[in-house]
Amino acid sequence: MARETTGGHKQTRKNEDVEDTEATESSEELKERQDKIDDDVDSILDEIDEVLEENAEDFVRSFVQKGGE
């Protein structure tokens, strides 16, 4: 009673194809999420820069006034 093992190999390849497809989809989803996070971080950093510029102006004004007294 000899059994042929080629059937198991086909199943393995099917699973590998499914895993490859899932990995590709996961990579695309991760790339999209990473791009969105990068955009969010950039906008937050821009806001921080604006606040620092405004606060720096106020700080310099108050420092000049105190120094001039």
PDB file of N, CA and C in Angstrom:
ATOM      1  N   MET A   1       0.832  -1.175   0.000  1.00  0.00           N
ATOM      2  CA  MET A   1       0.000   0.000   0.000  1.00  0.00           C
ATOM      3  C   MET A   1       0.880   1.243   0.000  1.00  0.00           C
ATOM      4  N   ALA A   2       1.205   1.658  -1.158  1.00  0.00           N
ATOM      5  CA  ALA A   2       2.023   2.858  -1.296  1.00  0.00           C
ATOM      6  C   ALA A   2       1.111   4.058  -1.472  1.00  0.00           C
ATOM      7  N   ARG A   3       1.456   5.158  -0.806  1.00  0.00           N
ATOM      8  CA  ARG A   3       0.668   6.379  -0.906  1.00  0.00           C
ATOM      9  C   ARG A   3       1.460   7.431  -1.671  1.00  0.00           C
ATOM     10  N   GLU A   4       0.754   8.192  -2.427  1.00  0.00           N
ATOM     11  CA  GLU A   4       1.397   9.255  -3.178  1.00  0.00           C
ATOM     12  C   GLU A   4       1.390  10.520  -2.315  1.00  0.00           C
ATOM     13  N   THR A   5       2.505  11.222  -2.254  1.00  0.00           N
ATOM     14  CA  THR A   5       2.604  12.395  -1.384  1.00  0.00           C
ATOM     15  C   THR A   5       2.443  13.712  -2.130  1.00  0.00           C
ATOM     16  N   THR A   6       2.172  13.654  -3.418  1.00  0.00           N
ATOM     17  CA  THR A   6       2.057  14.900  -4.174  1.00  0.00           C
ATOM     18  C   THR A   6       0.841  15.716  -3.744  1.00  0.00           C
ATOM     19  N   GLY A   7      -0.160  15.072  -3.245  1.00  0.00           N
ATOM     20  CA  GLY A   7      -1.356  15.797  -2.806  1.00  0.00           C
ATOM     21  C   GLY A   7      -1.033  16.768  -1.688  1.00  0.00           C
ATOM     22  N   GLY A   8      -0.182  16.382  -0.784  1.00  0.00           N
ATOM     23  CA  GLY A   8       0.204  17.267   0.308  1.00  0.00           C
ATOM     24  C   GLY A   8       0.985  18.466  -0.173  1.00  0.00           C
ATOM     25  N   HIS A   9       1.794  18.284  -1.211  1.00  0.00           N
ATOM     26  CA  HIS A   9       2.583  19.381  -1.737  1.00  0.00           C
ATOM     27  C   HIS A   9       1.698  20.448  -2.363  1.00  0.00           C
ATOM     28  N   LYS A  10       0.654  20.026  -3.063  1.00  0.00           N
ATOM     29  CA  LYS A  10      -0.247  20.998  -3.676  1.00  0.00           C
ATOM     30  C   LYS A  10      -0.928  21.824  -2.607  1.00  0.00           C
ATOM     31  N   GLN A  11      -1.346  21.189  -1.547  1.00  0.00           N
ATOM     32  CA  GLN A  11      -2.005  21.900  -0.460  1.00  0.00           C
ATOM     33  C   GLN A  11      -1.055  22.931   0.148  1.00  0.00           C
ATOM     34  N   THR A  12       0.170  22.548   0.313  1.00  0.00           N
ATOM     35  CA  THR A  12       1.156  23.465   0.873  1.00  0.00           C
ATOM     36  C   THR A  12       1.325  24.675  -0.033  1.00  0.00           C
ATOM     37  N   ARG A  13       1.382  24.470  -1.321  1.00  0.00           N
ATOM     38  CA  ARG A  13       1.534  25.590  -2.243  1.00  0.00           C
ATOM     39  C   ARG A  13       0.318  26.502  -2.209  1.00  0.00           C
ATOM     40  N   LYS A  14      -0.861  25.914  -2.083  1.00  0.00           N
ATOM     41  CA  LYS A  14      -2.059  26.741  -1.980  1.00  0.00           C
ATOM     42  C   LYS A  14      -1.961  27.623  -0.753  1.00  0.00           C
ATOM     43  N   ASN A  15      -1.568  27.042   0.366  1.00  0.00           N
ATOM     44  CA  ASN A  15      -1.429  27.814   1.594  1.00  0.00           C
ATOM     45  C   ASN A  15      -0.379  28.902   1.436  1.00  0.00           C
ATOM     46  N   GLU A  16       0.719  28.595   0.753  1.00  0.00           N
ATOM     47  CA  GLU A  16       1.762  29.590   0.533  1.00  0.00           C
ATOM     48  C   GLU A  16       1.231  30.732  -0.321  1.00  0.00           C
ATOM     49  N   ASP A  17       0.436  30.406  -1.363  1.00  0.00           N
ATOM     50  CA  ASP A  17      -0.141  31.451  -2.207  1.00  0.00           C
ATOM     51  C   ASP A  17      -1.073  32.342  -1.399  1.00  0.00           C
ATOM     52  N   VAL A  18      -1.881  31.742  -0.561  1.00  0.00           N
ATOM     53  CA  VAL A  18      -2.798  32.502   0.287  1.00  0.00           C
ATOM     54  C   VAL A  18      -1.998  33.384   1.236  1.00  0.00           C
ATOM     55  N   GLU A  19      -0.939  32.840   1.831  1.00  0.00           N
ATOM     56  CA  GLU A  19      -0.120  33.615   2.746  1.00  0.00           C
ATOM     57  C   GLU A  19       0.561  34.764   2.018  1.00  0.00           C
ATOM     58  N   ASP A  20       1.044  34.527   0.797  1.00  0.00           N
ATOM     59  CA  ASP A  20       1.665  35.590   0.013  1.00  0.00           C
ATOM     60  C   ASP A  20       0.671  36.701  -0.275  1.00  0.00           C
ATOM     61  N   THR A  21      -0.552  36.326  -0.648  1.00  0.00           N
ATOM     62  CA  THR A  21      -1.582  37.314  -0.933  1.00  0.00           C
ATOM     63  C   THR A  21      -1.911  38.104   0.318  1.00  0.00           C
ATOM     64  N   GLU A  22      -2.059  37.419   1.439  1.00  0.00           N
ATOM     65  CA  GLU A  22      -2.339  38.097   2.704  1.00  0.00           C
ATOM     66  C   GLU A  22      -1.190  39.006   3.096  1.00  0.00           C
ATOM     67  N   ALA A  23       0.033  38.567   2.889  1.00  0.00           N
ATOM     68  CA  ALA A  23       1.199  39.378   3.220  1.00  0.00           C
ATOM     69  C   ALA A  23       1.234  40.628   2.356  1.00  0.00           C
ATOM     70  N   THR A  24       0.890  40.492   1.081  1.00  0.00           N
ATOM     71  CA  THR A  24       0.868  41.645   0.182  1.00  0.00           C
ATOM     72  C   THR A  24      -0.202  42.625   0.621  1.00  0.00           C
ATOM     73  N   GLU A  25      -1.379  42.124   0.936  1.00  0.00           N
ATOM     74  CA  GLU A  25      -2.457  42.993   1.397  1.00  0.00           C
ATOM     75  C   GLU A  25      -2.070  43.653   2.713  1.00  0.00           C
ATOM     76  N   SER A  26      -1.461  42.914   3.609  1.00  0.00           N
ATOM     77  CA  SER A  26      -1.046  43.468   4.884  1.00  0.00           C
ATOM     78  C   SER A  26       0.010  44.546   4.669  1.00  0.00           C
ATOM     79  N   SER A  27       0.917  44.317   3.748  1.00  0.00           N
ATOM     80  CA  SER A  27       1.954  45.309   3.462  1.00  0.00           C
ATOM     81  C   SER A  27       1.332  46.595   2.928  1.00  0.00           C
ATOM     82  N   GLU A  28       0.356  46.465   2.051  1.00  0.00           N
ATOM     83  CA  GLU A  28      -0.315  47.644   1.504  1.00  0.00           C
ATOM     84  C   GLU A  28      -1.062  48.388   2.601  1.00  0.00           C
ATOM     85  N   GLU A  29      -1.763  47.655   3.463  1.00  0.00           N
ATOM     86  CA  GLU A  29      -2.483  48.281   4.561  1.00  0.00           C
ATOM     87  C   GLU A  29      -1.510  48.976   5.506  1.00  0.00           C
ATOM     88  N   LEU A  30      -0.394  48.339   5.806  1.00  0.00           N
ATOM     89  CA  LEU A  30       0.604  48.938   6.680  1.00  0.00           C
ATOM     90  C   LEU A  30       1.181  50.204   6.057  1.00  0.00           C
ATOM     91  N   LYS A  31       1.416  50.170   4.763  1.00  0.00           N
ATOM     92  CA  LYS A  31       1.951  51.344   4.066  1.00  0.00           C
ATOM     93  C   LYS A  31       0.965  52.498   4.153  1.00  0.00           C
ATOM     94  N   GLU A  32      -0.317  52.215   3.954  1.00  0.00           N
ATOM     95  CA  GLU A  32      -1.346  53.252   4.035  1.00  0.00           C
ATOM     96  C   GLU A  32      -1.409  53.827   5.448  1.00  0.00           C
ATOM     97  N   ARG A  33      -1.390  52.942   6.442  1.00  0.00           N
ATOM     98  CA  ARG A  33      -1.422  53.403   7.829  1.00  0.00           C
ATOM     99  C   ARG A  33      -0.192  54.233   8.159  1.00  0.00           C
ATOM    100  N   GLN A  34       0.964  53.801   7.665  1.00  0.00           N
ATOM    101  CA  GLN A  34       2.207  54.531   7.926  1.00  0.00           C
ATOM    102  C   GLN A  34       2.150  55.918   7.282  1.00  0.00           C
ATOM    103  N   ASP A  35       1.626  56.000   6.060  1.00  0.00           N
ATOM    104  CA  ASP A  35       1.509  57.292   5.384  1.00  0.00           C
ATOM    105  C   ASP A  35       0.582  58.222   6.162  1.00  0.00           C
ATOM    106  N   LYS A  36      -0.533  57.689   6.655  1.00  0.00           N
ATOM    107  CA  LYS A  36      -1.474  58.504   7.413  1.00  0.00           C
ATOM    108  C   LYS A  36      -0.827  58.982   8.713  1.00  0.00           C
ATOM    109  N   ILE A  37      -0.129  58.105   9.393  1.00  0.00           N
ATOM    110  CA  ILE A  37       0.535  58.486  10.636  1.00  0.00           C
ATOM    111  C   ILE A  37       1.607  59.535  10.364  1.00  0.00           C
ATOM    112  N   ASP A  38       2.359  59.368   9.283  1.00  0.00           N
ATOM    113  CA  ASP A  38       3.378  60.355   8.918  1.00  0.00           C
ATOM    114  C   ASP A  38       2.748  61.723   8.679  1.00  0.00           C
ATOM    115  N   ASP A  39       1.616  61.741   7.978  1.00  0.00           N
ATOM    116  CA  ASP A  39       0.920  63.008   7.732  1.00  0.00           C
ATOM    117  C   ASP A  39       0.458  63.637   9.040  1.00  0.00           C
ATOM    118  N   ASP A  40      -0.088  62.813   9.948  1.00  0.00           N
ATOM    119  CA  ASP A  40      -0.541  63.317  11.238  1.00  0.00           C
ATOM    120  C   ASP A  40       0.624  63.899  12.048  1.00  0.00           C
ATOM    121  N   VAL A  41       1.740  63.199  12.065  1.00  0.00           N
ATOM    122  CA  VAL A  41       2.913  63.667  12.798  1.00  0.00           C
ATOM    123  C   VAL A  41       3.419  64.977  12.205  1.00  0.00           C
ATOM    124  N   ASP A  42       3.459  65.063  10.892  1.00  0.00           N
ATOM    125  CA  ASP A  42       3.896  66.294  10.236  1.00  0.00           C
ATOM    126  C   ASP A  42       3.004  67.474  10.615  1.00  0.00           C
ATOM    127  N   SER A  43       1.701  67.255  10.625  1.00  0.00           N
ATOM    128  CA  SER A  43       0.788  68.351  10.967  1.00  0.00           C
ATOM    129  C   SER A  43       0.957  68.761  12.434  1.00  0.00           C
ATOM    130  N   ILE A  44       1.172  67.792  13.314  1.00  0.00           N
ATOM    131  CA  ILE A  44       1.400  68.110  14.730  1.00  0.00           C
ATOM    132  C   ILE A  44       2.693  68.905  14.895  1.00  0.00           C
ATOM    133  N   LEU A  45       3.749  68.494  14.192  1.00  0.00           N
ATOM    134  CA  LEU A  45       5.013  69.223  14.270  1.00  0.00           C
ATOM    135  C   LEU A  45       4.869  70.642  13.728  1.00  0.00           C
ATOM    136  N   ASP A  46       4.075  70.822  12.687  1.00  0.00           N
ATOM    137  CA  ASP A  46       3.826  72.162  12.158  1.00  0.00           C
ATOM    138  C   ASP A  46       3.125  73.031  13.192  1.00  0.00           C
ATOM    139  N   GLU A  47       2.137  72.462  13.883  1.00  0.00           N
ATOM    140  CA  GLU A  47       1.440  73.196  14.929  1.00  0.00           C
ATOM    141  C   GLU A  47       2.389  73.582  16.051  1.00  0.00           C
ATOM    142  N   ILE A  48       3.250  72.669  16.443  1.00  0.00           N
ATOM    143  CA  ILE A  48       4.226  72.945  17.501  1.00  0.00           C
ATOM    144  C   ILE A  48       5.150  74.077  17.071  1.00  0.00           C
ATOM    145  N   ASP A  49       5.614  74.039  15.832  1.00  0.00           N
ATOM    146  CA  ASP A  49       6.484  75.107  15.321  1.00  0.00           C
ATOM    147  C   ASP A  49       5.789  76.463  15.396  1.00  0.00           C
ATOM    148  N   GLU A  50       4.516  76.510  14.993  1.00  0.00           N
ATOM    149  CA  GLU A  50       3.762  77.765  15.037  1.00  0.00           C
ATOM    150  C   GLU A  50       3.648  78.282  16.464  1.00  0.00           C
ATOM    151  N   VAL A  51       3.330  77.398  17.394  1.00  0.00           N
ATOM    152  CA  VAL A  51       3.191  77.805  18.798  1.00  0.00           C
ATOM    153  C   VAL A  51       4.522  78.303  19.339  1.00  0.00           C
ATOM    154  N   LEU A  52       5.600  77.602  19.009  1.00  0.00           N
ATOM    155  CA  LEU A  52       6.918  78.026  19.482  1.00  0.00           C
ATOM    156  C   LEU A  52       7.305  79.387  18.908  1.00  0.00           C
ATOM    157  N   GLU A  53       6.972  79.618  17.644  1.00  0.00           N
ATOM    158  CA  GLU A  53       7.278  80.917  17.037  1.00  0.00           C
ATOM    159  C   GLU A  53       6.515  82.030  17.745  1.00  0.00           C
ATOM    160  N   GLU A  54       5.228  81.808  18.016  1.00  0.00           N
ATOM    161  CA  GLU A  54       4.418  82.818  18.702  1.00  0.00           C
ATOM    162  C   GLU A  54       4.940  83.048  20.113  1.00  0.00           C
ATOM    163  N   ASN A  55       5.207  81.969  20.834  1.00  0.00           N
ATOM    164  CA  ASN A  55       5.689  82.100  22.195  1.00  0.00           C
ATOM    165  C   ASN A  55       7.072  82.724  22.244  1.00  0.00           C
ATOM    166  N   ALA A  56       7.901  82.427  21.265  1.00  0.00           N
ATOM    167  CA  ALA A  56       9.243  83.003  21.217  1.00  0.00           C
ATOM    168  C   ALA A  56       9.144  84.519  21.041  1.00  0.00           C
ATOM    169  N   GLU A  57       8.224  84.972  20.195  1.00  0.00           N
ATOM    170  CA  GLU A  57       8.024  86.409  19.994  1.00  0.00           C
ATOM    171  C   GLU A  57       7.615  87.063  21.297  1.00  0.00           C
ATOM    172  N   ASP A  58       6.647  86.484  22.000  1.00  0.00           N
ATOM    173  CA  ASP A  58       6.190  87.026  23.285  1.00  0.00           C
ATOM    174  C   ASP A  58       7.327  87.034  24.299  1.00  0.00           C
ATOM    175  N   PHE A  59       8.081  85.983  24.341  1.00  0.00           N
ATOM    176  CA  PHE A  59       9.190  85.882  25.287  1.00  0.00           C
ATOM    177  C   PHE A  59      10.220  86.977  25.023  1.00  0.00           C
ATOM    178  N   VAL A  60      10.559  87.174  23.768  1.00  0.00           N
ATOM    179  CA  VAL A  60      11.548  88.195  23.420  1.00  0.00           C
ATOM    180  C   VAL A  60      11.026  89.575  23.787  1.00  0.00           C
ATOM    181  N   ARG A  61       9.764  89.842  23.507  1.00  0.00           N
ATOM    182  CA  ARG A  61       9.168  91.141  23.854  1.00  0.00           C
ATOM    183  C   ARG A  61       9.233  91.375  25.364  1.00  0.00           C
ATOM    184  N   SER A  62       8.837  90.370  26.139  1.00  0.00           N
ATOM    185  CA  SER A  62       8.850  90.549  27.594  1.00  0.00           C
ATOM    186  C   SER A  62      10.280  90.666  28.117  1.00  0.00           C
ATOM    187  N   PHE A  63      11.212  89.985  27.516  1.00  0.00           N
ATOM    188  CA  PHE A  63      12.607  90.052  27.930  1.00  0.00           C
ATOM    189  C   PHE A  63      13.175  91.435  27.637  1.00  0.00           C
ATOM    190  N   VAL A  64      12.840  91.974  26.464  1.00  0.00           N
ATOM    191  CA  VAL A  64      13.324  93.312  26.088  1.00  0.00           C
ATOM    192  C   VAL A  64      12.744  94.347  27.034  1.00  0.00           C
ATOM    193  N   GLN A  65      11.460  94.208  27.381  1.00  0.00           N
ATOM    194  CA  GLN A  65      10.838  95.162  28.299  1.00  0.00           C
ATOM    195  C   GLN A  65      11.494  95.091  29.670  1.00  0.00           C
ATOM    196  N   LYS A  66      11.732  93.892  30.167  1.00  0.00           N
ATOM    197  CA  LYS A  66      12.350  93.739  31.474  1.00  0.00           C
ATOM    198  C   LYS A  66      13.785  94.254  31.450  1.00  0.00           C
ATOM    199  N   GLY A  67      14.453  93.989  30.372  1.00  0.00           N
ATOM    200  CA  GLY A  67      15.844  94.435  30.267  1.00  0.00           C
ATOM    201  C   GLY A  67      15.946  95.949  30.160  1.00  0.00           C
ATOM    202  N   GLY A  68      14.935  96.555  29.584  1.00  0.00           N
ATOM    203  CA  GLY A  68      14.947  97.999  29.406  1.00  0.00           C
ATOM    204  C   GLY A  68      14.554  98.749  30.659  1.00  0.00           C
ATOM    205  N   GLU A  69      14.007  98.084  31.634  1.00  0.00           N
ATOM    206  CA  GLU A  69      13.538  98.754  32.857  1.00  0.00           C
ATOM    207  C   GLU A  69      14.662  99.175  33.737  1.00  0.00           C
TER     208      GLU A  69
END
